[in-house]
Protein backbone atom coordinates (compact mmCIF):
# COMPACT_ATOMS: atom_id res chain seq x y z
CA MET A 1 -4.05 3.98 -0.21
CA SER A 2 -1.61 2.25 2.10
CA PHE A 3 1.74 0.99 0.89
CA LYS A 4 0.75 -2.57 1.78
CA ARG A 5 -2.43 -2.52 -0.30
CA ARG A 6 -0.85 -0.66 -3.21
CA PHE A 7 2.10 -3.03 -3.38
CA ALA A 8 -0.16 -6.09 -3.14
CA LEU A 9 -2.46 -4.80 -5.90
CA GLN A 10 0.44 -3.88 -8.17
CA PHE A 11 2.04 -7.29 -7.63
CA SER A 12 -1.31 -9.01 -8.32
CA LEU A 13 -1.83 -6.98 -11.50
CA PHE A 14 1.68 -7.86 -12.62
CA VAL A 15 1.08 -11.58 -12.05
CA ALA A 16 -2.36 -11.33 -13.72
CA LEU A 17 -0.76 -9.72 -16.76
CA ILE A 18 1.83 -12.51 -16.96
CA LEU A 19 -0.88 -15.18 -16.63
CA LEU A 20 -3.08 -13.46 -19.22
CA VAL A 21 -0.25 -13.18 -21.73
CA SER A 22 0.77 -16.80 -21.09
CA CYS A 23 -2.77 -18.16 -21.45
CA ALA A 24 -3.43 -16.08 -24.56
CA SER A 25 -0.16 -17.27 -26.09
CA ILE A 26 -1.00 -20.91 -25.36
CA TYR A 27 -4.49 -20.51 -26.84
CA ILE A 28 -3.25 -18.73 -29.98
CA LEU A 29 -0.42 -21.20 -30.55
CA TYR A 30 -2.71 -24.21 -30.12
CA LYS A 31 -5.35 -22.61 -32.34
CA THR A 32 -2.77 -22.05 -35.08
CA TYR A 33 -1.47 -25.60 -34.70
CA ARG A 34 -4.98 -27.08 -34.88
CA LYS A 35 -5.82 -25.07 -37.96
CA GLU A 36 -2.61 -26.05 -39.77
CA ASP A 37 -2.90 -29.69 -38.72
CA TYR A 38 -6.52 -29.94 -39.87
CA ALA A 39 -5.70 -28.17 -43.16
CA LYS A 40 -2.98 -30.76 -43.82
CA ARG A 41 -5.41 -33.61 -43.07
CA VAL A 42 -8.01 -32.11 -45.42
CA ARG A 43 -5.42 -31.63 -48.16
CA ASP A 44 -4.08 -35.17 -47.77
CA GLU A 45 -7.64 -36.55 -47.81
CA GLY A 46 -8.50 -34.70 -51.01
CA LEU A 47 -5.32 -35.74 -52.82
CA GLU A 48 -5.74 -39.37 -51.75
CA LEU A 49 -9.29 -39.48 -53.17
CA TYR A 50 -8.05 -37.82 -56.34
CA LYS A 51 -5.43 -40.57 -56.76
CA ILE A 52 -8.11 -43.23 -56.26
CA TYR A 53 -10.33 -41.42 -58.75
CA LYS A 54 -7.56 -41.28 -61.37
CA SER A 55 -6.57 -44.94 -60.90
CA ARG A 56 -10.16 -46.21 -61.24
CA GLU A 57 -10.80 -43.88 -64.18
CA HIS A 58 -7.67 -45.23 -65.88
CA ASN A 59 -8.88 -48.82 -65.36
CA ASN A 60 -12.43 -47.94 -66.43
CA LYS A 61 -13.82 -49.10 -63.13
CA GLU A 62 -17.06 -47.96 -61.55
CA LEU A 63 -16.88 -44.67 -59.65
CA SER A 64 -19.39 -44.36 -56.86
CA THR A 65 -19.49 -43.65 -53.15
CA SER A 66 -19.88 -47.33 -52.31
CA SER A 67 -17.02 -48.42 -54.55
CA ILE A 68 -14.76 -45.72 -53.13
CA ASN A 69 -15.70 -46.63 -49.57
CA ASP A 70 -14.56 -50.21 -50.25
CA ILE A 71 -10.96 -49.05 -50.53
CA HIS A 72 -11.04 -45.76 -48.62
CA GLN A 73 -12.52 -44.89 -45.25
CA PRO A 74 -13.37 -41.17 -44.73
CA GLY A 75 -10.84 -39.55 -42.42
CA LEU A 76 -12.87 -36.40 -41.74
CA PHE A 77 -16.15 -35.79 -39.99
CA GLU A 78 -18.85 -34.95 -42.58
CA GLU A 79 -16.22 -35.22 -45.25
CA LYS A 80 -17.02 -33.76 -48.68
CA VAL A 81 -14.81 -34.03 -51.73
CA VAL A 82 -15.50 -32.82 -55.25
CA ILE A 83 -13.38 -33.09 -58.40
CA LEU A 84 -13.96 -30.57 -61.18
CA ASP A 85 -12.67 -30.38 -64.72
CA THR A 86 -10.92 -27.34 -66.21
CA ILE A 87 -14.17 -25.45 -66.86
CA GLY A 88 -15.73 -26.24 -63.45
CA ASN A 89 -17.92 -29.25 -64.30
CA ILE A 90 -18.25 -31.86 -61.58
CA LEU A 91 -16.45 -35.09 -62.47
CA PHE A 92 -16.77 -36.80 -59.09
CA LYS A 93 -18.21 -36.01 -55.67
CA LEU A 94 -18.24 -37.76 -52.35
CA PRO A 95 -20.82 -38.51 -51.08
CA ASP A 96 -23.04 -38.82 -54.16
CA THR A 97 -25.86 -36.94 -52.44
CA ALA A 98 -23.75 -33.94 -51.46
CA ARG A 99 -24.60 -30.56 -52.93
CA PHE A 100 -21.85 -28.17 -53.88
CA SER A 101 -22.04 -24.48 -54.65
CA ILE A 102 -18.76 -23.65 -56.35
CA LYS A 103 -18.20 -19.98 -57.10
CA PRO A 104 -15.91 -18.92 -59.94
CA GLU A 105 -13.94 -16.72 -57.52
CA LEU A 106 -13.03 -19.82 -55.48
CA LEU A 107 -11.72 -21.64 -58.56
CA ALA A 108 -9.72 -18.60 -59.57
CA ASN A 109 -8.14 -18.38 -56.13
CA ILE A 110 -7.34 -22.12 -56.16
CA ARG A 111 -5.72 -21.83 -59.58
CA SER A 112 -3.69 -18.74 -58.57
CA ALA A 113 -2.34 -20.63 -55.55
CA GLY A 114 -0.54 -22.97 -57.96
CA GLU A 115 1.06 -25.96 -56.28
CA ASP A 116 0.08 -24.63 -52.84
CA ALA A 117 -3.33 -25.58 -51.54
CA TYR A 118 -5.81 -22.74 -51.06
CA PRO A 119 -7.55 -22.73 -47.64
CA PHE A 120 -11.11 -21.49 -47.28
CA LYS A 121 -13.93 -21.60 -44.77
CA GLN A 122 -17.70 -21.92 -45.19
CA GLY A 123 -19.46 -21.48 -41.90
CA LYS A 124 -17.93 -24.02 -39.54
CA ARG A 125 -16.61 -26.13 -42.39
CA GLU A 126 -12.94 -25.83 -43.24
CA GLY A 127 -11.69 -26.79 -46.68
CA MET A 128 -8.70 -26.89 -49.01
CA GLY A 129 -8.69 -26.40 -52.76
CA MET A 130 -5.93 -27.93 -54.95
CA TYR A 131 -5.22 -27.42 -58.62
CA VAL A 132 -3.65 -30.37 -60.47
CA THR A 133 -1.43 -28.87 -63.14
CA GLU A 134 -1.02 -32.06 -65.24
CA SER A 135 -4.74 -32.62 -65.76
CA GLY A 136 -6.11 -29.16 -65.10
CA HIS A 137 -8.54 -30.64 -62.55
CA TYR A 138 -9.69 -28.98 -59.31
CA VAL A 139 -9.88 -30.97 -56.10
CA ILE A 140 -11.90 -29.40 -53.29
CA ALA A 141 -12.13 -31.15 -49.91
CA SER A 142 -13.80 -29.93 -46.69
CA GLY A 143 -15.00 -31.19 -43.35
CA LEU A 144 -15.86 -30.32 -39.74
CA ASP A 145 -13.03 -30.56 -37.20
CA ARG A 146 -15.42 -31.50 -34.42
CA SER A 147 -12.80 -33.04 -32.13
CA GLY A 148 -10.34 -30.21 -32.67
CA LEU A 149 -12.95 -27.52 -32.00
CA LYS A 150 -14.09 -29.42 -28.91
CA ARG A 151 -10.52 -29.53 -27.64
CA MET A 152 -10.29 -25.79 -28.26
CA GLU A 153 -13.36 -25.19 -26.10
CA VAL A 154 -11.98 -27.40 -23.34
CA LEU A 155 -8.59 -25.67 -23.55
CA GLN A 156 -10.27 -22.27 -23.38
CA LEU A 157 -12.17 -23.31 -20.26
CA ILE A 158 -9.01 -24.69 -18.66
CA LEU A 159 -7.07 -21.50 -19.40
CA TRP A 160 -9.81 -19.33 -17.90
CA LEU A 161 -9.79 -21.49 -14.77
CA VAL A 162 -6.00 -21.31 -14.58
CA LEU A 163 -6.14 -17.54 -14.98
CA ALA A 164 -8.80 -17.14 -12.27
CA CYS A 165 -7.15 -19.53 -9.82
CA GLY A 166 -3.71 -18.05 -10.49
CA LEU A 167 -5.05 -14.56 -9.87
CA VAL A 168 -6.64 -15.61 -6.57
CA VAL A 169 -3.43 -17.32 -5.45
CA ALA A 170 -1.39 -14.28 -6.55
CA VAL A 171 -3.58 -11.90 -4.53
CA LEU A 172 -3.41 -14.08 -1.42
CA PHE A 173 0.32 -14.64 -1.78
CA SER A 174 1.01 -10.96 -2.46
CA PHE A 175 -0.79 -9.86 0.70
CA TYR A 176 1.04 -12.53 2.71
CA PHE A 177 4.36 -11.62 1.11
CA VAL A 178 3.86 -7.89 1.71
CA GLU A 179 2.87 -8.61 5.30
CA GLN A 180 6.16 -10.45 5.83
CA VAL A 181 8.19 -7.77 4.06
CA ILE A 182 6.77 -4.73 5.84
CA ARG A 183 6.62 -6.32 9.29
CA PRO A 184 10.16 -5.09 10.13
CA MET A 185 9.22 -1.69 8.70
CA VAL A 186 6.10 -1.53 10.89
CA LEU A 187 8.17 -2.45 13.94
CA MET A 188 10.79 0.12 13.03
CA SER A 189 8.09 2.76 12.46
CA LYS A 190 6.67 2.05 15.91
CA GLN A 191 10.11 2.42 17.43
CA MET A 192 10.68 5.66 15.50
CA GLU A 193 7.33 6.93 16.75
CA ASP A 194 8.41 6.23 20.33
CA THR A 195 11.74 8.00 19.84
CA SER A 196 12.16 11.14 21.91
CA VAL A 197 14.95 13.17 23.46
CA VAL A 198 14.95 10.98 26.58
CA ASN A 199 15.56 7.65 24.77
CA LEU A 200 17.90 8.58 21.93
CA ARG A 201 20.48 6.11 23.22
CA GLU A 202 18.17 3.14 22.64
CA GLN A 203 19.09 1.13 19.54
CA ILE A 204 16.69 -0.38 17.02
CA PRO A 205 17.45 -4.14 16.80
CA GLU A 206 18.58 -5.38 13.41
CA SER A 207 16.57 -8.05 11.61
CA GLY A 208 18.28 -11.26 10.57
CA SER A 209 16.23 -11.68 7.39
CA PHE A 210 16.59 -8.53 5.31
CA THR A 211 19.93 -6.90 4.56
CA GLU A 212 18.24 -3.70 3.40
CA MET A 213 16.27 -3.40 6.64
CA ASN A 214 19.48 -3.95 8.60
CA GLN A 215 21.08 -1.11 6.66
CA ILE A 216 18.11 1.16 7.41
CA ALA A 217 18.27 0.19 11.09
CA ARG A 218 22.02 0.89 11.22
CA ASN A 219 21.57 4.26 9.51
CA PHE A 220 18.72 5.18 11.85
CA ASN A 221 20.74 4.13 14.90
CA ALA A 222 23.67 6.21 13.63
CA MET A 223 21.31 9.16 13.13
CA ARG A 224 20.00 8.75 16.69
CA GLU A 225 23.56 8.72 17.96
CA ARG A 226 24.36 11.93 16.06
CA LEU A 227 21.17 13.54 17.36
CA ASN A 228 21.99 12.44 20.88
CA LYS A 229 25.44 14.00 20.59
CA ALA A 230 23.89 17.18 19.19
CA PHE A 231 21.36 17.40 22.05
CA GLU A 232 24.12 16.61 24.55
CA PHE A 233 26.26 19.32 23.00
CA GLN A 234 23.35 21.76 23.17
CA ARG A 235 22.62 20.90 26.80
CA ASN A 236 26.28 21.31 27.73
CA PHE A 237 26.47 24.55 25.75
CA VAL A 238 23.48 26.04 27.56
CA HIS A 239 24.77 24.78 30.92
CA ASN A 240 28.25 26.19 30.38
CA ALA A 241 26.95 29.50 29.01
CA SER A 242 24.64 29.84 32.00
CA HIS A 243 27.50 29.05 34.35
CA GLU A 244 29.86 31.54 32.69
CA LEU A 245 27.18 34.25 32.78
CA ARG A 246 26.14 33.45 36.35
CA THR A 247 29.64 33.88 37.77
CA PRO A 248 30.17 37.56 36.84
CA LEU A 249 26.54 38.33 37.65
CA ALA A 250 26.93 36.81 41.10
CA ASN A 251 30.12 38.78 41.67
CA MET A 252 28.45 41.98 40.55
CA MET A 253 25.46 41.33 42.82
CA ALA A 254 27.68 40.54 45.82
CA GLN A 255 29.80 43.66 45.35
CA THR A 256 26.73 45.84 44.83
CA GLU A 257 25.08 44.52 48.00
CA ALA A 258 28.32 45.01 49.93
CA ALA A 259 28.56 48.60 48.70
CA LEU A 260 24.94 49.32 49.65
CA SER A 261 25.14 47.74 53.11
CA ARG A 262 27.86 50.04 54.41
CA THR A 263 29.37 53.45 53.88
CA LEU A 264 32.60 53.36 51.87
CA SER A 265 35.27 55.85 51.06
CA ALA A 266 35.74 57.27 47.58
CA GLU A 267 38.72 54.98 47.00
CA GLU A 268 36.75 51.89 48.06
CA TYR A 269 33.89 52.88 45.75
CA ARG A 270 36.42 53.28 42.95
CA ASP A 271 37.79 49.79 43.59
CA ILE A 272 34.29 48.29 43.56
CA LEU A 273 33.40 50.11 40.34
CA GLY A 274 36.64 48.90 38.78
CA SER A 275 35.80 45.31 39.76
CA LEU A 276 32.27 45.73 38.41
CA ARG A 277 33.73 47.06 35.18
CA GLN A 278 35.91 43.97 34.83
CA ASP A 279 32.90 41.70 35.36
CA GLN A 280 30.89 43.71 32.87
CA GLN A 281 33.69 43.49 30.31
CA ARG A 282 33.83 39.72 30.91
CA MET A 283 30.09 39.48 30.21
CA ILE A 284 30.46 41.62 27.07
CA ASP A 285 33.30 39.44 25.77
CA LEU A 286 31.33 36.26 26.48
CA THR A 287 28.17 37.63 24.83
CA ASN A 288 30.13 38.73 21.75
CA SER A 289 31.73 35.28 21.48
CA LEU A 290 28.33 33.57 21.72
CA LEU A 291 26.92 35.90 19.06
CA LEU A 292 29.89 35.14 16.80
CA ILE A 293 29.32 31.38 17.16
CA SER A 294 25.61 31.81 16.37
CA LEU A 295 26.44 33.99 13.35
CA TYR A 296 29.07 31.61 11.97
CA GLU A 297 26.67 28.65 12.24
CA GLN A 298 24.41 30.38 9.67
CA GLU A 299 27.11 31.44 7.21
CA GLY A 300 28.61 29.43 4.38
CA PHE A 301 31.30 29.61 1.74
CA ASP A 302 30.85 32.65 -0.47
CA GLN A 303 32.00 32.32 -4.08
CA ASP A 304 32.36 36.13 -4.28
CA TRP A 305 35.05 36.33 -1.61
CA PRO A 306 38.27 37.95 -2.91
CA MET A 307 41.64 36.28 -3.31
CA LEU A 308 43.97 37.01 -0.37
CA ARG A 309 47.68 36.51 0.36
CA VAL A 310 48.11 34.37 3.43
CA ASP A 311 51.59 35.64 4.33
CA GLU A 312 50.49 39.29 4.32
CA MET A 313 47.64 38.57 6.76
CA ILE A 314 49.98 36.64 9.06
CA TYR A 315 52.62 39.39 9.01
CA GLU A 316 49.93 41.90 9.92
CA LYS A 317 48.74 39.78 12.86
CA ILE A 318 52.35 39.27 14.02
CA SER A 319 52.84 43.02 14.07
CA SER A 320 49.62 43.69 16.01
CA SER A 321 50.33 40.82 18.43
CA LYS A 322 53.80 42.21 19.26
CA SER A 323 52.19 45.56 20.05
CA LEU A 324 49.59 43.88 22.28
CA TYR A 325 51.97 41.42 23.99
CA PRO A 326 55.43 43.01 24.33
CA ASP A 327 56.99 39.81 25.70
CA ILE A 328 55.75 37.51 22.93
CA GLY A 329 58.25 35.74 20.68
CA LEU A 330 56.87 35.39 17.13
CA SER A 331 58.54 34.06 13.97
CA LEU A 332 57.34 33.09 10.50
CA SER A 333 59.15 30.62 8.25
CA PHE A 334 58.39 28.98 4.90
CA LEU A 335 58.66 25.20 4.71
CA ASP A 336 58.30 25.42 0.90
CA THR A 337 59.60 28.17 -1.34
CA PRO A 338 56.68 29.77 -3.25
CA GLY A 339 57.06 29.56 -7.02
CA SER A 340 54.98 32.71 -7.52
CA ASP A 341 52.60 35.00 -5.69
CA ASN A 342 49.71 32.77 -6.75
CA ASP A 343 51.05 29.98 -4.52
CA LEU A 344 50.16 32.09 -1.47
CA MET A 345 46.68 33.10 -2.64
CA ILE A 346 43.47 31.77 -1.12
CA GLN A 347 39.84 32.81 -1.44
CA GLY A 348 38.19 33.98 1.75
CA ASN A 349 36.96 36.67 4.11
CA GLU A 350 39.91 38.72 5.35
CA ALA A 351 38.38 39.77 8.70
CA LEU A 352 37.35 36.21 9.57
CA LEU A 353 40.71 34.67 8.62
CA LYS A 354 42.55 37.31 10.66
CA SER A 355 40.30 36.35 13.57
CA VAL A 356 41.46 32.73 13.13
CA PHE A 357 45.15 33.69 13.20
CA ASP A 358 44.59 36.09 16.11
CA ASN A 359 42.87 33.38 18.21
CA LEU A 360 45.60 30.81 17.53
CA ILE A 361 48.42 33.26 18.31
CA ARG A 362 46.68 34.39 21.51
CA ASN A 363 46.10 30.78 22.63
CA ALA A 364 49.70 29.79 21.89
CA TYR A 365 50.96 32.83 23.83
CA ALA A 366 48.62 32.23 26.79
CA TYR A 367 49.42 28.52 27.23
CA SER A 368 53.18 28.67 26.55
CA PRO A 369 55.52 29.15 29.54
CA ASN A 370 58.08 31.04 27.41
CA HIS A 371 55.42 32.94 25.39
CA LYS A 372 57.10 31.91 22.13
CA VAL A 373 55.08 31.03 19.00
CA ASP A 374 56.61 29.59 15.82
CA ILE A 375 54.51 29.96 12.65
CA SER A 376 55.33 28.01 9.48
CA LEU A 377 53.81 28.06 5.99
CA GLN A 378 53.60 24.85 3.96
CA ILE A 379 52.45 25.02 0.33
CA LEU A 380 50.83 21.84 -1.02
CA PRO A 381 49.29 21.24 -4.47
CA ARG A 382 45.70 21.69 -3.29
CA GLU A 383 46.00 23.52 0.03
CA ILE A 384 48.06 25.85 2.17
CA ARG A 385 48.90 24.84 5.72
CA ILE A 386 49.73 27.31 8.48
CA LEU A 387 51.41 25.64 11.47
CA PHE A 388 51.30 27.24 14.94
CA GLU A 389 53.72 25.66 17.43
CA ASN A 390 54.37 26.45 21.09
CA LYS A 391 55.81 24.71 24.11
CA GLY A 392 53.41 23.58 26.79
CA THR A 393 51.54 20.70 28.36
CA HIS A 394 50.16 18.21 25.85
CA LEU A 395 46.44 17.63 25.59
CA SER A 396 45.28 14.12 26.51
CA LYS A 397 43.42 12.00 23.96
CA GLU A 398 40.15 12.78 25.72
CA GLU A 399 40.94 16.50 25.69
CA GLN A 400 41.91 16.35 22.01
CA GLU A 401 38.43 15.03 21.14
CA LYS A 402 36.73 17.87 23.05
CA VAL A 403 39.11 20.75 22.45
CA MET A 404 36.93 22.19 19.63
CA MET A 405 33.79 22.15 21.78
CA PRO A 406 32.52 25.48 23.15
CA PHE A 407 33.43 26.19 26.81
CA PHE A 408 35.77 23.22 26.99
CA ARG A 409 39.06 23.99 28.70
CA GLY A 410 41.91 21.53 29.26
CA LYS A 411 43.82 21.00 32.47
CA ASN A 412 46.54 23.36 31.27
CA ALA A 413 43.98 26.21 31.09
CA GLN A 414 42.72 26.13 34.65
CA GLN A 415 44.95 29.01 35.73
CA THR A 416 44.33 31.08 32.59
CA LYS A 417 41.41 33.43 32.05
CA GLY A 418 39.09 32.58 29.17
CA PHE A 419 35.80 31.00 28.15
CA GLY A 420 36.95 28.08 26.01
CA LEU A 421 35.33 29.56 22.91
CA GLY A 422 38.36 30.53 20.83
CA LEU A 423 39.01 27.19 19.09
CA SER A 424 35.28 26.65 18.59
CA ILE A 425 35.10 29.98 16.74
CA VAL A 426 38.22 29.09 14.73
CA GLN A 427 36.73 25.76 13.69
CA ARG A 428 33.49 27.38 12.52
CA ILE A 429 35.31 30.04 10.50
CA LEU A 430 37.48 27.40 8.82
CA LYS A 431 34.41 25.30 8.07
CA MET A 432 32.93 28.32 6.29
CA HIS A 433 36.10 28.40 4.15
CA ASN A 434 36.05 24.63 3.52
CA GLY A 435 39.14 24.35 5.71
CA ARG A 436 40.24 22.24 8.68
CA LEU A 437 41.95 22.63 12.05
CA LEU A 438 44.28 19.84 13.21
CA TYR A 439 46.09 19.26 16.50
CA GLU A 440 49.33 17.31 17.04
CA ALA A 441 51.27 16.59 20.20
CA LEU A 442 54.97 16.70 19.19
CA PRO A 443 58.09 15.62 21.10
CA GLN A 444 59.82 18.01 23.51
CA GLN A 445 56.47 19.25 24.86
CA LEU A 446 55.52 20.96 21.59
CA ASN A 447 51.87 21.57 20.64
CA ARG A 448 50.99 22.15 17.01
CA PHE A 449 47.73 23.52 15.61
CA THR A 450 47.54 23.34 11.80
CA VAL A 451 45.19 25.46 9.70
CA CYS A 452 44.43 23.83 6.31
CA LEU A 453 42.91 26.12 3.67
CA PRO A 454 42.13 25.15 0.05
CA ARG A 455 44.12 27.07 -2.55
CA ASP A 456 41.34 27.15 -5.16
CA GLY A 457 38.38 27.97 -2.93
CA ALA A 458 37.00 24.43 -3.34
CA GLY A 459 36.94 21.77 -0.66
CA ALA A 460 40.27 20.76 0.72
């Protein structure tokens, strides 16, 4: 069943239930009122006749239907009144020709009611029985509430008509209302259906009527923008990877064809093989970097990682870097004095974190004219920050936004060998550790990359 039909039916059922409860309440309340009102009229009629009976009996006047009718007009349709003595004998009845069948159980119930009148019903007739304590007499009055019952029938018919008409109006209105409500959703669904890779930049227009639909449209447009950026990133990644792979392959092909087209000396062959080896090593390094990025995309934070000392890992990388780059200038300083060994502990993968430090040291060395790298440790309540600073050309704002993207290289890297994958790998490793990588352009041509790692293994 479609959402439109289901919503319309549920709304109609809800309205029908409200109408049914309302009509039933009106009918029950009016029925109760009619019954109580008629019972009061019957009681008052019986007591009034009893007073007339007592006054005429006291004055020894004639008691008959005609004499009573001279001073009292019946207030009930088919009114019947009977007055009984203490043992149930009839003292007076109105009209004279009326027949009464009084059961002892009725008299007992009337007497047990005391000062309150006892209601009873015989067929369609409704009556009230009263017991007069002073005289011990019973007064029983009854009648047919023809007008009241007729009004009940008319009211019942009116309520059924109201219920039926209200239900029809509710169904029609619900379908119209649902049609108006889901129209923006239908339009949005059509636009979503037409969405493809080629038109991700197109925006879904926001409706001026429904705030919720506007929010959905904004969220969907934001999602399309994120998807567009992801597809753009993927296209650029594939393009750049293809370009980086094509360059060494083209060089290798050109050198191989050159070697095959003419006879070379042993020394020339050695030079060509050395050049081919360099291109092959370049391809191996690029392939390994791409595999690392693919692997890190699938990993996540591991709660079973051990606790590690940050300073020990950095000292180890400083030592290995000095062996690899004899002219590098490396120093480590503490911006905050650790209170205990625990202040330097983080949870993580040692090999991956060493790869982060190694990449940042190598980058700072490669892009610094004096090959000097200053490393600082800052201990904060919830995280540890490792600052890598070197002198060099600042990145522009546009370059700062793209510096973490694979294969991106700034203007200061045009004369330096590399693939532009180092910072991308660093960012992915830190993401696995719930960490962050920040860049700042400082005065005096200083560049600062800051590694932020949570101290407790939770999110920073």
